[in-house]
Each structure stands twice: as C-alpha cells, then as structure tokens.
C-alpha atoms as a PDB file:
ATOM      1  CA  LEU A   1     -11.078   3.246  -4.579  1.00  0.00           C
ATOM      2  CA  LEU A   2     -10.282  -0.446  -4.921  1.00  0.00           C
ATOM      3  CA  TRP A   3     -13.023  -2.876  -5.881  1.00  0.00           C
ATOM      4  CA  PHE A   4     -13.001  -6.589  -5.141  1.00  0.00           C
ATOM      5  CA  ARG A   5     -15.530  -9.386  -5.101  1.00  0.00           C
ATOM      6  CA  ILE A   6     -17.642  -9.641  -1.938  1.00  0.00           C
ATOM      7  CA  ASP A   7     -16.717 -13.304  -1.379  1.00  0.00           C
ATOM      8  CA  GLU A   8     -12.992 -12.539  -1.163  1.00  0.00           C
ATOM      9  CA  ARG A   9     -11.485 -12.144   2.277  1.00  0.00           C
ATOM     10  CA  MET A  10      -9.075  -9.306   2.924  1.00  0.00           C
ATOM     11  CA  ASN A  11      -6.538  -8.856   5.685  1.00  0.00           C
ATOM     12  CA  LEU A  12      -5.365  -5.349   6.572  1.00  0.00           C
ATOM     13  CA  ARG A  13      -1.955  -4.980   8.220  1.00  0.00           C
ATOM     14  CA  VAL A  14       0.565  -2.250   8.963  1.00  0.00           C
ATOM     15  CA  ALA A  15       3.024  -1.879   6.081  1.00  0.00           C
ATOM     16  CA  LYS A  16       6.616  -3.055   6.467  1.00  0.00           C
ATOM     17  CA  ALA A  17       9.732  -1.608   4.840  1.00  0.00           C
ATOM     18  CA  ASP A  18       9.762  -4.317   2.153  1.00  0.00           C
ATOM     19  CA  ASP A  19       6.241  -3.262   1.061  1.00  0.00           C
ATOM     20  CA  LEU A  20       7.469   0.129  -0.174  1.00  0.00           C
ATOM     21  CA  LEU A  21       8.673  -1.087  -3.590  1.00  0.00           C
ATOM     22  CA  ASN A  22       5.307  -2.727  -4.263  1.00  0.00           C
ATOM     23  CA  THR A  23       3.558   0.445  -3.161  1.00  0.00           C
ATOM     24  CA  GLN A  24       5.578   2.593  -5.535  1.00  0.00           C
ATOM     25  CA  HIS A  25       5.029   0.132  -8.403  1.00  0.00           C
ATOM     26  CA  CYS A  26       1.270   0.059  -7.804  1.00  0.00           C
ATOM     27  CA  ASN A  27       1.074   3.849  -7.702  1.00  0.00           C
ATOM     28  CA  LEU A  28       3.116   4.180 -10.911  1.00  0.00           C
ATOM     29  CA  LEU A  29       0.580   1.947 -12.663  1.00  0.00           C
ATOM     30  CA  CYS A  30      -2.629   3.282 -11.129  1.00  0.00           C
ATOM     31  CA  LEU A  31      -2.291   6.931 -10.148  1.00  0.00           C
ATOM     32  CA  PRO A  32      -1.719  10.066 -12.213  1.00  0.00           C
ATOM     33  CA  GLU A  33       0.643  11.505  -9.596  1.00  0.00           C
ATOM     34  CA  ASN A  34       3.931   9.647  -9.169  1.00  0.00           C
ATOM     35  CA  TYR A  35       6.383  10.067  -6.323  1.00  0.00           C
ATOM     36  CA  GLN A  36      10.038   9.195  -5.835  1.00  0.00           C
ATOM     37  CA  MET A  37      10.942   6.417  -3.412  1.00  0.00           C
ATOM     38  CA  LYS A  38      12.127   8.969  -0.825  1.00  0.00           C
ATOM     39  CA  TYR A  39       8.487  10.092  -0.481  1.00  0.00           C
ATOM     40  CA  TYR A  40       7.436   6.596   0.613  1.00  0.00           C
ATOM     41  CA  PHE A  41      10.401   6.256   2.973  1.00  0.00           C
ATOM     42  CA  TYR A  42       9.599   9.635   4.528  1.00  0.00           C
ATOM     43  CA  HIS A  43       6.000   8.623   5.246  1.00  0.00           C
ATOM     44  CA  ALA A  44       6.979   5.173   6.501  1.00  0.00           C
ATOM     45  CA  LEU A  45       9.553   6.634   8.886  1.00  0.00           C
ATOM     46  CA  SER A  46       7.451   9.599  10.009  1.00  0.00           C
ATOM     47  CA  TRP A  47       4.124   7.803  10.495  1.00  0.00           C
ATOM     48  CA  PRO A  48       4.697   4.007  10.438  1.00  0.00           C
ATOM     49  CA  GLN A  49       1.326   3.363  12.083  1.00  0.00           C
ATOM     50  CA  LEU A  50      -0.543   5.104   9.227  1.00  0.00           C
ATOM     51  CA  SER A  51       0.626   3.038   6.254  1.00  0.00           C
ATOM     52  CA  TYR A  52      -1.306  -0.142   5.512  1.00  0.00           C
ATOM     53  CA  VAL A  53      -1.295  -3.057   3.105  1.00  0.00           C
ATOM     54  CA  ALA A  54      -4.350  -5.156   2.252  1.00  0.00           C
ATOM     55  CA  GLU A  55      -3.822  -8.829   1.385  1.00  0.00           C
ATOM     56  CA  ASP A  56      -6.316 -11.181  -0.214  1.00  0.00           C
ATOM     57  CA  ASP A  57      -6.739 -14.956   0.323  1.00  0.00           C
ATOM     58  CA  LYS A  58      -3.818 -15.618  -2.011  1.00  0.00           C
ATOM     59  CA  VAL A  59      -1.616 -13.105  -0.129  1.00  0.00           C
ATOM     60  CA  LYS A  60      -1.654 -10.759  -3.095  1.00  0.00           C
ATOM     61  CA  GLU A  61      -0.689  -7.384  -1.668  1.00  0.00           C
ATOM     62  CA  ILE A  62      -2.616  -4.210  -2.381  1.00  0.00           C
ATOM     63  CA  PRO A  63      -0.690  -1.221  -0.980  1.00  0.00           C
ATOM     64  CA  ILE A  64      -2.634   1.499   0.793  1.00  0.00           C
ATOM     65  CA  MET A  65      -0.740   4.668   1.730  1.00  0.00           C
ATOM     66  CA  ASP A  66      -1.279   8.171   3.060  1.00  0.00           C
ATOM     67  CA  ILE A  67      -3.915   7.572   5.691  1.00  0.00           C
ATOM     68  CA  LYS A  68      -2.993  10.721   7.574  1.00  0.00           C
END
C-alpha cells in the first residue's frame, strides 16, 4: 500500500517497456520478495494492459505491477 498526501495529484497510466527497470528497482527496495528481470518482461509481454505506473505532479514514477 502506497501512501501520499491528499493534495498531491496522481496520474495512472499503462506501463511501458522502459518502466520495467524502475519497477524492479522499486521492488528490490520495498518488497521482501525479489524477482529477476525476466519476471517483469514476462508479465509485460503476457498482460501489457494489466501493468500500471502512477506518476505524481513532478512526474515521479511509482511502479504498480501484478494487477491480474
């Protein structure tokens, strides 16, 4: 669960291929389970419409994966 201030605006968009490195980096820092890059490529290629990235006002990306 990601928390942010109420007054910040967020934009949710479908993830692109160049978002995968940021997604892996974020998960390495934040989650106890860590996956190899091939895991992210597999999901992006298998279900491209189910991987999202949230961006704030400053276009800081917050990867969101595995919405299947």
